[in-house]
Amino acid sequence: MATLVNNKKATFSYEVQDKYEAGIELFGFEVKSLKNNRGNLSGSYVVIRGNEAFLIGLDIPPYQANNTPDNYDQMRPRRLLLTKKELRELAEIENQKGLTLIPMSLYNKGNKVKVKFAVGRGKKTRDKRETIKRRESDREIHRTLKKLR
């Protein structure tokens, strides 16, 4: 299970509650581009429309710019492959106020590309400040322990 793309800001900007896994519908050259660690999940989110889920805002640049189709849109919505039960459950979650579906990472599972996404609630700025303080204090503790060794 090799991670192709991570959303580094997801855990900083959101309180993660439940995690889900879904397949994603991609073109072959998009998969090649992702395997070269090209892609950007920041600012992307999952939307339920009708009986389908879409990943919006995922940026996958072309693998070889000269060989891609002329009408290729690297920011196009990409369909997620979920069961009907999961779709119903996620539609209910999405309708709740303050909850969003945030993609956490894209990774390989066998020869398939999967998306790990989570239900998240946006953090307030004071919570973000606490996260930064906690991270800095942990770094200092590790530095002092490293010096003692």
C-alpha atoms as a PDB file:
ATOM      1  CA  MET A   1       0.000   0.000   0.000  1.00  0.00           C
ATOM      2  CA  ALA A   2       2.043   2.915  -1.310  1.00  0.00           C
ATOM      3  CA  THR A   3       0.732   6.401  -0.647  1.00  0.00           C
ATOM      4  CA  LEU A   4       0.642   8.468  -3.828  1.00  0.00           C
ATOM      5  CA  VAL A   5      -0.680  11.833  -2.588  1.00  0.00           C
ATOM      6  CA  ASN A   6      -1.357  13.160   0.935  1.00  0.00           C
ATOM      7  CA  ASN A   7      -3.565  16.028   2.045  1.00  0.00           C
ATOM      8  CA  LYS A   8      -1.313  17.579   4.678  1.00  0.00           C
ATOM      9  CA  LYS A   9      -3.696  20.389   5.613  1.00  0.00           C
ATOM     10  CA  ALA A  10      -6.669  18.101   6.264  1.00  0.00           C
ATOM     11  CA  THR A  11      -5.795  17.174   9.836  1.00  0.00           C
ATOM     12  CA  PHE A  12      -4.709  20.741  10.595  1.00  0.00           C
ATOM     13  CA  SER A  13      -7.889  22.401   9.299  1.00  0.00           C
ATOM     14  CA  TYR A  14     -10.460  19.756  10.294  1.00  0.00           C
ATOM     15  CA  GLU A  15     -11.362  17.548  13.227  1.00  0.00           C
ATOM     16  CA  VAL A  16     -11.452  14.088  11.656  1.00  0.00           C
ATOM     17  CA  GLN A  17     -14.307  11.851  12.804  1.00  0.00           C
ATOM     18  CA  ASP A  18     -14.999   8.821  10.569  1.00  0.00           C
ATOM     19  CA  LYS A  19     -12.801   7.498   7.766  1.00  0.00           C
ATOM     20  CA  TYR A  20     -13.935   5.832   4.551  1.00  0.00           C
ATOM     21  CA  GLU A  21     -12.240   4.171   1.598  1.00  0.00           C
ATOM     22  CA  ALA A  22     -13.414   4.347  -2.006  1.00  0.00           C
ATOM     23  CA  GLY A  23     -12.202   3.510  -5.466  1.00  0.00           C
ATOM     24  CA  ILE A  24     -11.744   6.338  -7.938  1.00  0.00           C
ATOM     25  CA  GLU A  25     -12.454   6.472 -11.658  1.00  0.00           C
ATOM     26  CA  LEU A  26      -9.331   7.697 -13.510  1.00  0.00           C
ATOM     27  CA  PHE A  27      -7.812   7.693 -16.980  1.00  0.00           C
ATOM     28  CA  GLY A  28      -4.648   5.651 -17.550  1.00  0.00           C
ATOM     29  CA  PHE A  29      -2.391   8.684 -17.936  1.00  0.00           C
ATOM     30  CA  GLU A  30      -3.787  10.114 -14.682  1.00  0.00           C
ATOM     31  CA  VAL A  31      -2.734   6.939 -12.863  1.00  0.00           C
ATOM     32  CA  LYS A  32       0.762   7.241 -14.340  1.00  0.00           C
ATOM     33  CA  SER A  33       0.939  10.851 -13.227  1.00  0.00           C
ATOM     34  CA  LEU A  34      -0.134   9.913  -9.679  1.00  0.00           C
ATOM     35  CA  LYS A  35       2.468   7.139  -9.541  1.00  0.00           C
ATOM     36  CA  ASN A  36       5.085   9.815 -10.289  1.00  0.00           C
ATOM     37  CA  ASN A  37       3.852  11.618  -7.115  1.00  0.00           C
ATOM     38  CA  ARG A  38       2.236  14.391  -9.101  1.00  0.00           C
ATOM     39  CA  GLY A  39      -1.122  15.500  -7.805  1.00  0.00           C
ATOM     40  CA  ASN A  40      -2.578  17.872  -5.265  1.00  0.00           C
ATOM     41  CA  LEU A  41      -5.400  17.187  -2.803  1.00  0.00           C
ATOM     42  CA  SER A  42      -5.364  20.531  -0.986  1.00  0.00           C
ATOM     43  CA  GLY A  43      -8.652  22.342  -1.345  1.00  0.00           C
ATOM     44  CA  SER A  44     -10.495  19.259  -2.573  1.00  0.00           C
ATOM     45  CA  TYR A  45     -13.672  17.786  -1.116  1.00  0.00           C
ATOM     46  CA  VAL A  46     -16.243  15.037  -1.728  1.00  0.00           C
ATOM     47  CA  VAL A  47     -19.797  15.816  -2.863  1.00  0.00           C
ATOM     48  CA  ILE A  48     -22.813  13.495  -3.137  1.00  0.00           C
ATOM     49  CA  ARG A  49     -24.948  14.261  -6.209  1.00  0.00           C
ATOM     50  CA  GLY A  50     -27.936  12.041  -6.825  1.00  0.00           C
ATOM     51  CA  ASN A  51     -26.744   8.502  -6.201  1.00  0.00           C
ATOM     52  CA  GLU A  52     -23.090   9.173  -6.960  1.00  0.00           C
ATOM     53  CA  ALA A  53     -20.105  10.604  -5.094  1.00  0.00           C
ATOM     54  CA  PHE A  54     -17.608  12.929  -6.758  1.00  0.00           C
ATOM     55  CA  LEU A  55     -14.185  14.163  -5.730  1.00  0.00           C
ATOM     56  CA  ILE A  56     -13.960  17.843  -6.620  1.00  0.00           C
ATOM     57  CA  GLY A  57     -10.805  19.928  -6.684  1.00  0.00           C
ATOM     58  CA  LEU A  58      -8.272  17.105  -7.161  1.00  0.00           C
ATOM     59  CA  ASP A  59      -5.503  18.423  -9.409  1.00  0.00           C
ATOM     60  CA  ILE A  60      -3.734  15.796 -11.533  1.00  0.00           C
ATOM     61  CA  PRO A  61      -1.379  17.359 -14.100  1.00  0.00           C
ATOM     62  CA  PRO A  62      -0.918  15.459 -17.378  1.00  0.00           C
ATOM     63  CA  TYR A  63       1.681  12.669 -17.408  1.00  0.00           C
ATOM     64  CA  GLN A  64       3.094  13.790 -20.755  1.00  0.00           C
ATOM     65  CA  ALA A  65       1.632  17.090 -21.879  1.00  0.00           C
ATOM     66  CA  ASN A  66       2.109  16.356 -25.591  1.00  0.00           C
ATOM     67  CA  ASN A  67       0.323  12.997 -25.432  1.00  0.00           C
ATOM     68  CA  THR A  68      -2.768  13.996 -23.466  1.00  0.00           C
ATOM     69  CA  PRO A  69      -6.072  14.751 -25.204  1.00  0.00           C
ATOM     70  CA  ASP A  70      -6.715  18.384 -26.125  1.00  0.00           C
ATOM     71  CA  ASN A  71      -9.885  18.595 -24.030  1.00  0.00           C
ATOM     72  CA  TYR A  72      -8.285  17.184 -20.847  1.00  0.00           C
ATOM     73  CA  ASP A  73      -9.259  19.122 -17.721  1.00  0.00           C
ATOM     74  CA  GLN A  74      -6.902  18.351 -14.833  1.00  0.00           C
ATOM     75  CA  MET A  75      -9.383  19.694 -12.263  1.00  0.00           C
ATOM     76  CA  ARG A  76     -12.402  17.714 -13.512  1.00  0.00           C
ATOM     77  CA  PRO A  77     -14.730  16.068 -10.962  1.00  0.00           C
ATOM     78  CA  ARG A  78     -13.821  12.393 -10.549  1.00  0.00           C
ATOM     79  CA  ARG A  79     -16.392   9.774  -9.625  1.00  0.00           C
ATOM     80  CA  LEU A  80     -15.884   7.706  -6.480  1.00  0.00           C
ATOM     81  CA  LEU A  81     -16.893   4.066  -6.396  1.00  0.00           C
ATOM     82  CA  LEU A  82     -18.977   3.325  -3.291  1.00  0.00           C
ATOM     83  CA  THR A  83     -21.792   0.962  -2.364  1.00  0.00           C
ATOM     84  CA  LYS A  84     -25.392   2.195  -2.219  1.00  0.00           C
ATOM     85  CA  LYS A  85     -25.425   1.769   1.548  1.00  0.00           C
ATOM     86  CA  GLU A  86     -22.301   3.944   1.931  1.00  0.00           C
ATOM     87  CA  LEU A  87     -23.758   6.556  -0.427  1.00  0.00           C
ATOM     88  CA  ARG A  88     -26.962   6.824   1.640  1.00  0.00           C
ATOM     89  CA  GLU A  89     -24.952   7.088   4.846  1.00  0.00           C
ATOM     90  CA  LEU A  90     -22.670   9.783   3.406  1.00  0.00           C
ATOM     91  CA  ALA A  91     -25.606  11.752   1.985  1.00  0.00           C
ATOM     92  CA  GLU A  92     -27.101  11.952   5.493  1.00  0.00           C
ATOM     93  CA  ILE A  93     -23.755  13.051   6.928  1.00  0.00           C
ATOM     94  CA  GLU A  94     -23.264  15.689   4.236  1.00  0.00           C
ATOM     95  CA  ASN A  95     -26.686  17.215   4.985  1.00  0.00           C
ATOM     96  CA  GLN A  96     -25.726  17.835   8.623  1.00  0.00           C
ATOM     97  CA  LYS A  97     -24.588  21.371   9.294  1.00  0.00           C
ATOM     98  CA  GLY A  98     -20.853  21.881   9.740  1.00  0.00           C
ATOM     99  CA  LEU A  99     -19.725  18.480   8.447  1.00  0.00           C
ATOM    100  CA  THR A 100     -17.765  18.018   5.236  1.00  0.00           C
ATOM    101  CA  LEU A 101     -16.153  15.096   3.464  1.00  0.00           C
ATOM    102  CA  ILE A 102     -12.404  15.682   3.079  1.00  0.00           C
ATOM    103  CA  PRO A 103     -10.027  13.479   1.084  1.00  0.00           C
ATOM    104  CA  MET A 104      -7.034  12.463   3.203  1.00  0.00           C
ATOM    105  CA  SER A 105      -4.880  10.531   0.723  1.00  0.00           C
ATOM    106  CA  LEU A 106      -4.671   8.648  -2.564  1.00  0.00           C
ATOM    107  CA  TYR A 107      -2.886   5.302  -2.454  1.00  0.00           C
ATOM    108  CA  ASN A 108      -2.365   2.004  -4.267  1.00  0.00           C
ATOM    109  CA  LYS A 109      -4.097  -1.123  -3.071  1.00  0.00           C
ATOM    110  CA  GLY A 110      -2.989  -3.924  -5.326  1.00  0.00           C
ATOM    111  CA  ASN A 111      -3.224  -2.445  -8.797  1.00  0.00           C
ATOM    112  CA  LYS A 112      -6.121  -0.123  -7.919  1.00  0.00           C
ATOM    113  CA  VAL A 113      -5.984   3.508  -6.843  1.00  0.00           C
ATOM    114  CA  LYS A 114      -8.043   4.216  -3.725  1.00  0.00           C
ATOM    115  CA  VAL A 115      -9.071   7.376  -1.891  1.00  0.00           C
ATOM    116  CA  LYS A 116      -9.185   7.616   1.883  1.00  0.00           C
ATOM    117  CA  PHE A 117     -11.570  10.370   2.919  1.00  0.00           C
ATOM    118  CA  ALA A 118     -12.989  11.417   6.240  1.00  0.00           C
ATOM    119  CA  VAL A 119     -15.928  13.194   7.772  1.00  0.00           C
ATOM    120  CA  GLY A 120     -14.608  16.399   9.271  1.00  0.00           C
ATOM    121  CA  ARG A 121     -15.732  19.447  11.154  1.00  0.00           C
ATOM    122  CA  GLY A 122     -13.808  22.677  10.551  1.00  0.00           C
ATOM    123  CA  LYS A 123     -11.523  23.806  13.360  1.00  0.00           C
ATOM    124  CA  LYS A 124     -11.702  27.276  14.811  1.00  0.00           C
ATOM    125  CA  THR A 125      -8.578  29.458  14.728  1.00  0.00           C
ATOM    126  CA  ARG A 126      -8.003  28.999  18.452  1.00  0.00           C
ATOM    127  CA  ASP A 127      -7.942  25.214  17.961  1.00  0.00           C
ATOM    128  CA  LYS A 128      -5.415  25.635  15.159  1.00  0.00           C
ATOM    129  CA  ARG A 129      -3.218  27.734  17.447  1.00  0.00           C
ATOM    130  CA  GLU A 130      -3.351  25.007  20.102  1.00  0.00           C
ATOM    131  CA  THR A 131      -2.297  22.457  17.490  1.00  0.00           C
ATOM    132  CA  ILE A 132       0.691  24.603  16.511  1.00  0.00           C
ATOM    133  CA  LYS A 133       1.713  25.079  20.169  1.00  0.00           C
ATOM    134  CA  ARG A 134       1.444  21.346  20.850  1.00  0.00           C
ATOM    135  CA  ARG A 135       3.524  20.532  17.754  1.00  0.00           C
ATOM    136  CA  GLU A 136       6.257  23.028  18.708  1.00  0.00           C
ATOM    137  CA  SER A 137       6.444  21.759  22.291  1.00  0.00           C
ATOM    138  CA  ASP A 138       6.737  18.163  21.032  1.00  0.00           C
ATOM    139  CA  ARG A 139       9.599  19.205  18.746  1.00  0.00           C
ATOM    140  CA  GLU A 140      11.453  20.848  21.618  1.00  0.00           C
ATOM    141  CA  ILE A 141      11.007  17.769  23.811  1.00  0.00           C
ATOM    142  CA  HIS A 142      12.407  15.554  21.047  1.00  0.00           C
ATOM    143  CA  ARG A 143      15.363  17.937  20.560  1.00  0.00           C
ATOM    144  CA  THR A 144      16.259  17.895  24.253  1.00  0.00           C
ATOM    145  CA  LEU A 145      15.918  14.103  24.434  1.00  0.00           C
ATOM    146  CA  LYS A 146      18.137  13.781  21.371  1.00  0.00           C
ATOM    147  CA  LYS A 147      20.823  15.952  23.015  1.00  0.00           C
ATOM    148  CA  LEU A 148      20.748  13.797  26.162  1.00  0.00           C
ATOM    149  CA  ARG A 149      21.508  10.619  24.231  1.00  0.00           C
END
